[in-house]
Protein backbone atom coordinates (compact mmCIF):
# COMPACT_ATOMS: atom_id res chain seq x y z
CA MET A 1 -10.31 -71.92 -31.28
CA GLU A 2 -10.30 -73.96 -28.11
CA SER A 3 -11.55 -72.45 -24.87
CA GLY A 4 -8.03 -72.51 -23.36
CA GLU A 5 -6.64 -70.57 -26.28
CA ILE A 6 -9.45 -68.00 -25.88
CA ARG A 7 -8.62 -67.53 -22.23
CA ASP A 8 -4.92 -67.04 -22.97
CA SER A 9 -5.72 -64.51 -25.67
CA GLU A 10 -8.03 -62.60 -23.31
CA LYS A 11 -5.27 -62.58 -20.60
CA LYS A 12 -2.77 -61.20 -23.12
CA ARG A 13 -5.22 -58.51 -24.20
CA ARG A 14 -5.87 -57.43 -20.57
CA ARG A 15 -2.11 -57.44 -19.91
CA ARG A 16 -1.54 -55.15 -22.88
CA CYS A 17 -4.34 -52.85 -21.73
CA PHE A 18 -2.89 -52.73 -18.24
CA ILE A 19 0.59 -51.88 -19.57
CA LEU A 20 -0.80 -49.18 -21.80
CA ALA A 21 -2.84 -47.71 -18.95
CA VAL A 22 0.23 -47.67 -16.63
CA THR A 23 2.34 -46.12 -19.38
CA ALA A 24 -0.31 -43.39 -19.94
CA VAL A 25 -0.44 -42.59 -16.23
CA VAL A 26 3.35 -42.36 -16.02
CA LEU A 27 3.46 -40.09 -19.05
CA LEU A 28 0.71 -37.95 -17.62
CA VAL A 29 2.61 -37.61 -14.29
CA ILE A 30 5.79 -36.69 -16.18
CA ILE A 31 3.97 -34.10 -18.30
CA LEU A 32 2.32 -32.57 -15.20
CA ALA A 33 5.67 -32.47 -13.38
CA VAL A 34 7.31 -30.74 -16.38
CA VAL A 35 4.45 -28.25 -16.69
CA LEU A 36 4.51 -27.58 -12.92
CA GLY A 37 8.27 -27.13 -12.97
CA VAL A 38 8.05 -24.74 -15.91
CA THR A 39 5.24 -22.81 -14.23
CA LEU A 40 7.12 -22.51 -10.94
CA SER A 41 10.32 -21.52 -12.74
CA ARG A 42 8.42 -18.89 -14.76
CA GLY A 43 6.84 -17.55 -11.52
CA ARG A 44 10.30 -17.16 -9.93
CA GLU A 45 11.64 -15.45 -13.04
CA GLU A 46 8.64 -13.10 -13.16
CA PHE A 47 9.19 -12.17 -9.49
CA LYS A 48 12.81 -11.23 -10.09
CA ASP A 49 11.91 -9.37 -13.30
CA THR A 50 9.28 -7.36 -11.51
CA PHE A 51 11.69 -6.63 -8.65
CA MET A 52 14.41 -5.41 -10.97
CA GLU A 53 12.03 -3.44 -13.19
CA ARG A 54 10.61 -1.57 -10.18
CA CYS A 55 14.04 -1.01 -8.66
CA GLN A 56 15.53 0.47 -11.85
CA LYS A 57 12.95 3.29 -11.73
CA PHE A 58 14.96 4.63 -8.83
CA LYS A 59 18.20 6.21 -10.06
CA GLY A 60 21.54 5.83 -8.36
CA TYR A 61 21.07 2.36 -6.81
CA ASP A 62 22.79 -0.95 -7.56
CA CYS A 63 19.70 -3.05 -8.10
CA LYS A 64 21.64 -6.27 -8.66
CA ARG A 65 23.30 -5.84 -5.23
CA ILE A 66 19.93 -4.96 -3.63
CA TRP A 67 18.42 -8.17 -5.11
CA GLU A 68 21.29 -10.24 -3.75
CA LEU A 69 20.91 -8.73 -0.25
CA PHE A 70 17.17 -9.26 -0.39
CA GLN A 71 17.57 -12.94 -1.19
CA GLN A 72 20.15 -13.43 1.58
CA ALA A 73 17.44 -12.62 4.15
CA TYR A 74 15.28 -15.68 3.45
CA VAL A 75 16.78 -18.20 0.98
CA ASN A 76 17.72 -21.58 2.51
CA GLN A 77 15.67 -20.57 5.62
CA ASP A 78 12.58 -21.99 7.23
CA PRO A 79 9.80 -19.66 5.89
CA CYS A 80 8.50 -19.19 9.42
CA GLU A 81 11.87 -18.31 10.93
CA VAL A 82 12.91 -15.13 9.10
CA PRO A 83 13.08 -12.33 11.73
CA PRO A 84 12.84 -8.60 10.79
CA ASN A 85 16.54 -8.05 11.45
CA ALA A 86 17.36 -10.49 8.64
CA TYR A 87 16.64 -7.52 6.35
CA ASP A 88 19.09 -5.20 8.07
CA PRO A 89 21.73 -5.42 5.28
CA LEU A 90 18.98 -4.73 2.71
CA ILE A 91 17.82 -1.61 4.56
CA ALA A 92 21.45 -0.45 4.84
CA ALA A 93 21.86 -0.74 1.07
CA ALA A 94 18.78 1.36 0.34
CA PRO A 95 18.32 3.58 3.42
CA LEU A 96 15.27 5.81 3.90
CA GLU A 97 16.47 9.36 4.25
CA SER A 98 14.96 11.54 6.93
CA SER A 99 12.12 13.49 5.33
CA CYS A 100 10.38 16.42 7.03
CA ASN A 101 6.66 17.14 6.58
CA ARG A 102 6.21 14.60 3.72
CA LEU A 103 5.76 11.15 5.20
CA LEU A 104 2.23 9.70 5.12
CA PHE A 105 1.45 6.77 7.40
CA TRP A 106 -1.78 4.74 7.28
CA SER A 107 -3.78 1.98 8.85
CA LYS A 108 -6.71 0.13 7.15
CA THR A 109 -6.97 2.84 4.46
CA ASN A 110 -4.75 1.30 1.81
CA ASP A 111 -7.08 1.87 -1.16
CA VAL A 112 -7.62 5.54 -0.25
CA VAL A 113 -4.11 6.48 0.79
CA GLN A 114 -2.30 5.01 -2.17
CA GLY A 115 -4.53 6.79 -4.66
CA PHE A 116 -4.11 10.05 -2.71
CA ALA A 117 -0.32 9.77 -2.46
CA ARG A 118 0.07 9.02 -6.22
CA LYS A 119 -1.71 12.26 -7.04
CA ASN A 120 0.06 14.43 -4.43
CA ASP A 121 3.82 14.93 -4.66
CA CYS A 122 3.71 16.50 -1.23
CA PHE A 123 3.29 13.14 0.49
CA GLN A 124 5.11 9.83 0.41
CA THR A 125 3.95 6.44 1.75
CA VAL A 126 6.27 3.54 2.57
CA GLU A 127 5.02 1.84 -0.60
CA GLU A 128 6.57 4.68 -2.64
CA THR A 129 10.04 4.23 -1.24
CA LEU A 130 12.43 2.03 -3.24
CA LEU A 131 12.10 -1.09 -1.04
CA GLY A 132 8.39 -0.59 -0.44
CA SER A 133 7.80 -0.12 -4.15
CA VAL A 134 9.66 -3.18 -5.38
CA LEU A 135 7.91 -5.51 -2.90
CA ASN A 136 4.42 -3.98 -2.78
CA SER A 137 1.73 -6.70 -3.18
CA MET A 138 4.40 -9.41 -3.65
CA THR A 139 4.60 -12.83 -1.96
CA TRP A 140 7.89 -14.69 -1.52
CA CYS A 141 9.70 -17.19 0.71
CA GLY A 142 12.50 -19.74 0.70
CA LYS A 143 12.95 -23.20 2.16
CA LYS A 144 15.65 -25.21 3.83
CA GLY A 145 18.08 -26.76 1.41
CA SER A 146 17.18 -24.46 -1.49
CA ASN A 147 18.73 -21.21 -2.76
CA GLU A 148 15.64 -20.37 -4.83
CA THR A 149 12.98 -17.72 -4.27
CA LEU A 150 9.54 -19.31 -4.08
CA THR A 151 6.33 -17.51 -4.87
CA THR A 152 3.84 -20.29 -4.13
CA ASP A 153 3.10 -22.39 -1.03
CA CYS A 154 4.48 -19.67 1.17
CA PRO A 155 2.96 -19.01 4.62
CA GLY A 156 0.26 -16.38 4.76
CA TRP A 157 0.50 -13.16 6.75
CA LEU A 158 -1.10 -14.69 9.86
CA ASP A 159 0.22 -18.24 9.49
CA CYS A 160 3.38 -17.44 11.46
CA GLU A 161 4.87 -14.25 12.84
CA ASN A 162 8.27 -14.43 11.18
CA ASN A 163 7.36 -15.18 7.62
CA PRO A 164 9.39 -13.31 5.00
CA PRO A 165 6.86 -10.69 3.84
CA ARG A 166 5.56 -9.88 7.33
CA SER A 167 9.05 -9.50 8.72
CA PHE A 168 10.07 -7.31 5.81
CA TRP A 169 7.17 -4.91 6.24
CA ARG A 170 7.80 -4.68 9.97
CA ARG A 171 11.48 -3.89 9.31
CA VAL A 172 10.91 -1.35 6.54
CA SER A 173 8.13 0.28 8.57
CA THR A 174 10.59 0.70 11.43
CA ALA A 175 12.97 2.49 9.05
CA PHE A 176 10.07 4.57 7.71
CA GLY A 177 9.06 5.66 11.20
CA ASP A 178 12.68 6.56 11.97
CA ALA A 179 12.76 8.76 8.87
CA ALA A 180 9.79 10.86 10.01
CA CYS A 181 10.58 14.49 10.74
CA GLY A 182 8.65 17.69 11.38
CA ASN A 183 4.90 17.34 10.69
CA VAL A 184 3.81 13.72 10.27
CA THR A 185 0.47 12.75 8.72
CA ALA A 186 -1.46 9.50 9.32
CA MET A 187 -4.59 8.50 7.40
CA LEU A 188 -6.86 6.27 9.50
CA ASN A 189 -10.16 4.54 8.80
CA GLY A 190 -13.14 6.35 10.32
CA SER A 191 -15.58 3.69 9.14
CA ILE A 192 -14.60 1.27 11.87
CA THR A 193 -15.07 1.51 15.64
CA THR A 194 -11.38 1.63 16.46
CA PRO A 195 -9.45 3.73 13.93
CA PHE A 196 -6.28 3.36 15.96
CA ASP A 197 -5.30 -0.26 16.52
CA PRO A 198 -2.27 -0.58 18.84
CA LYS A 199 -1.57 -4.03 17.32
CA SER A 200 -1.30 -2.73 13.77
CA ILE A 201 2.04 -1.92 12.18
CA PHE A 202 1.23 1.78 12.54
CA GLY A 203 0.34 1.34 16.22
CA SER A 204 2.91 -1.21 17.33
CA ILE A 205 5.93 -0.04 15.30
CA GLU A 206 5.69 3.29 13.47
CA VAL A 207 4.12 5.47 16.18
CA LYS A 208 6.76 4.24 18.64
CA ARG A 209 9.52 5.55 16.32
CA PHE A 210 8.22 9.17 16.39
CA LYS A 211 10.56 11.00 18.72
CA SER A 212 10.52 14.63 19.87
CA PRO A 213 11.95 17.09 18.95
CA ARG A 214 12.69 15.49 15.54
CA VAL A 215 8.93 14.95 15.08
CA LYS A 216 6.91 18.01 16.04
CA ASN A 217 3.31 17.20 15.14
CA LEU A 218 1.14 14.19 14.28
CA ASN A 219 -1.80 15.12 12.03
CA VAL A 220 -4.44 12.41 11.78
CA VAL A 221 -6.71 12.45 8.72
CA LEU A 222 -9.78 10.40 9.58
CA VAL A 223 -11.49 9.13 6.44
CA ILE A 224 -15.20 8.90 7.26
CA GLN A 225 -18.47 7.86 5.62
CA ARG A 226 -21.64 9.83 5.80
CA ASN A 227 -23.56 9.16 9.07
CA SER A 228 -20.38 7.51 10.45
CA VAL A 229 -20.44 6.89 14.21
CA THR A 230 -16.69 7.38 14.40
CA ASN A 231 -15.14 10.85 14.62
CA CYS A 232 -12.07 12.58 16.02
CA THR A 233 -13.32 12.11 19.58
CA ASN A 234 -13.09 8.30 19.29
CA PRO A 235 -11.55 6.71 22.42
CA SER A 236 -8.98 4.81 20.35
CA LEU A 237 -7.62 8.12 19.06
CA GLN A 238 -7.26 9.32 22.60
CA ASN A 239 -5.18 6.18 23.21
CA LEU A 240 -3.04 7.21 20.23
CA VAL A 241 -2.36 10.58 21.88
CA LYS A 242 -1.15 8.77 24.97
CA GLU A 243 1.29 6.74 22.88
CA LEU A 244 2.96 9.86 21.48
CA ASP A 245 6.36 10.92 22.73
CA LYS A 246 6.18 13.91 25.04
CA GLY A 247 6.54 17.12 23.06
CA ILE A 248 4.74 15.90 19.95
CA SER A 249 1.53 17.83 19.34
CA TYR A 250 -1.59 16.19 17.84
CA SER A 251 -4.44 17.23 15.59
CA CYS A 252 -7.31 15.34 13.90
CA LEU A 253 -9.30 16.21 10.77
CA GLU A 254 -12.40 14.32 9.56
CA VAL A 255 -12.41 13.94 5.75
CA PRO A 256 -15.17 12.19 3.77
CA ARG A 257 -14.41 9.51 1.21
CA CYS A 258 -14.55 10.62 -2.37
CA GLU A 259 -17.82 8.73 -2.90
CA GLN A 260 -19.42 10.84 -0.19
CA LEU A 261 -17.90 14.05 -1.57
CA LEU A 262 -19.36 13.24 -5.04
CA SER A 263 -22.77 12.54 -3.48
CA THR A 264 -22.80 15.88 -1.63
CA PHE A 265 -21.60 17.67 -4.76
CA GLU A 266 -24.36 16.16 -6.92
CA GLU A 267 -27.05 16.93 -4.36
CA ALA A 268 -26.24 20.63 -4.86
CA TYR A 269 -27.18 20.84 -8.50
CA VAL A 270 -28.81 17.66 -9.87
CA GLY A 271 -32.37 18.38 -10.90
CA LYS A 272 -31.84 22.16 -10.54
CA ASP A 273 -32.31 24.94 -13.06
CA PRO A 274 -28.74 25.65 -14.37
CA CYS A 275 -29.60 29.36 -14.77
CA ASN A 276 -31.06 29.72 -11.31
CA PHE A 277 -28.45 28.24 -9.06
CA PRO A 278 -27.63 30.18 -5.84
CA ASP A 279 -24.23 30.10 -4.18
CA GLU A 280 -25.89 28.78 -1.00
CA ALA A 281 -26.65 25.50 -2.78
CA ASN A 282 -22.98 24.46 -2.22
CA HIS A 283 -23.06 25.23 1.46
CA LEU A 284 -23.05 21.60 2.68
CA LEU A 285 -20.15 20.74 0.34
CA PHE A 286 -17.93 23.35 1.98
CA VAL A 287 -19.10 22.46 5.49
CA GLU A 288 -18.11 18.81 4.96
CA ASN A 289 -14.88 19.77 3.21
CA PRO A 290 -13.49 22.91 4.85
CA PHE A 291 -10.23 24.59 3.87
CA THR A 292 -7.64 23.50 6.36
CA HIS A 293 -4.30 24.80 5.14
CA SER A 294 -2.29 26.62 7.80
CA CYS A 295 -1.88 30.38 8.30
CA ASP A 296 0.61 32.36 6.22
CA LYS A 297 0.33 29.98 3.23
CA THR A 298 -2.68 31.27 1.29
CA MET A 299 -1.86 32.72 -2.15
CA PHE A 300 -4.36 34.66 -4.25
CA TRP A 301 -3.90 35.69 -7.89
CA GLY A 302 -5.39 37.66 -10.73
CA ASP A 303 -4.59 37.13 -14.46
CA THR A 304 -1.50 35.10 -13.43
CA LYS A 305 -3.00 31.61 -13.32
CA ASP A 306 -0.23 29.71 -15.12
CA LEU A 307 2.52 31.57 -13.29
CA VAL A 308 1.08 31.15 -9.80
CA HIS A 309 0.21 27.51 -10.24
CA GLN A 310 3.68 26.71 -11.51
CA PHE A 311 5.15 28.66 -8.57
CA CYS A 312 3.06 26.77 -6.03
CA LYS A 313 3.62 23.37 -7.63
CA GLY A 314 7.27 23.28 -6.73
CA ARG A 315 6.82 24.65 -3.23
CA ASN A 316 4.76 23.62 -0.23
CA HIS A 317 5.16 27.07 1.36
CA PHE A 318 2.10 28.43 -0.50
CA VAL A 319 -1.39 27.18 -1.30
CA SER A 320 -3.56 28.62 -4.06
CA LEU A 321 -7.26 27.75 -4.44
CA VAL A 322 -6.51 25.05 -7.02
CA ASN A 323 -4.14 23.35 -4.57
CA THR A 324 -7.03 22.71 -2.11
CA PRO A 325 -8.93 19.37 -2.47
CA LEU A 326 -12.09 20.93 -3.91
CA GLY A 327 -10.20 23.34 -6.12
CA ASN A 328 -7.99 20.57 -7.47
CA ILE A 329 -10.95 18.31 -8.24
CA MET A 330 -12.99 20.93 -10.09
CA ASP A 331 -10.15 22.79 -11.82
CA GLY A 332 -10.93 23.07 -15.54
CA LEU A 333 -14.30 21.28 -15.32
CA THR A 334 -17.76 22.44 -16.44
CA TRP A 335 -21.01 20.94 -15.20
CA CYS A 336 -24.75 21.46 -14.81
CA ASP A 337 -28.06 19.58 -14.83
CA MET A 338 -31.55 20.21 -16.12
């Protein structure tokens, strides 16, 4: 074969390789686009499915209508230009009824307060309301020119003030604050230097919705760690008192985290003779976790355990020993050490 023919053959081979490479790249881009499209579509479907599933746990609501009103707040909108009042029709469709003595507010104690509320029917957080429940831990947004709900590439909480989730939680927290009545409880973080942050949702929105005489008392539960430098005399809590509407009384109780309670509990008996265990060994446990229920509510019993516990369970007018934190934790348990 002549040298010219060799060169032509080599050129043709290179051209074929180039065409094959370009074709492979195009196919790869198409496959990636299809996979991405399917993934995004599945994410949107999962978001709606979760929304509807959570909503349907609440009886008596038109969840399809609630979903439509929810979408109207942010679809086809700039994801940084969705103000809190965009959710007004949604709030109107699932209003928070005024609830006396049951509402539990919180700031920087999410992990503690949600676990506590789930185990105590006496209290309700905003995350346990219909709207709070369906959107808890969810991310969503829309974009101009689209009627879809997006779950990726949405602005973060601090990226812009009027992003869809941030505006929603500000709006539903306003409604939650308006629903407060009677005795209101707030669980704050005693492990930080400023338990009350006036810029938090609790400080900037919810506290300002507490109005006398509808709200009578604000009871702060300060969740503390052992050797914590923060207590109920913290200056930020004094600022909280100043924020309260005139006529609303205030109280504060320091409560240890469960890890601290367990540590104190174990210190009383670990390494001790189980047959030589004095009552005084539990002294510190009761000092750190005193009984705090109000006067006229204590109920004692004898040989009527099942009856009295069933009686107290459906009423918050009475408190038996097992309804106290320590009594509830240890009810039915047996323990010792060697």
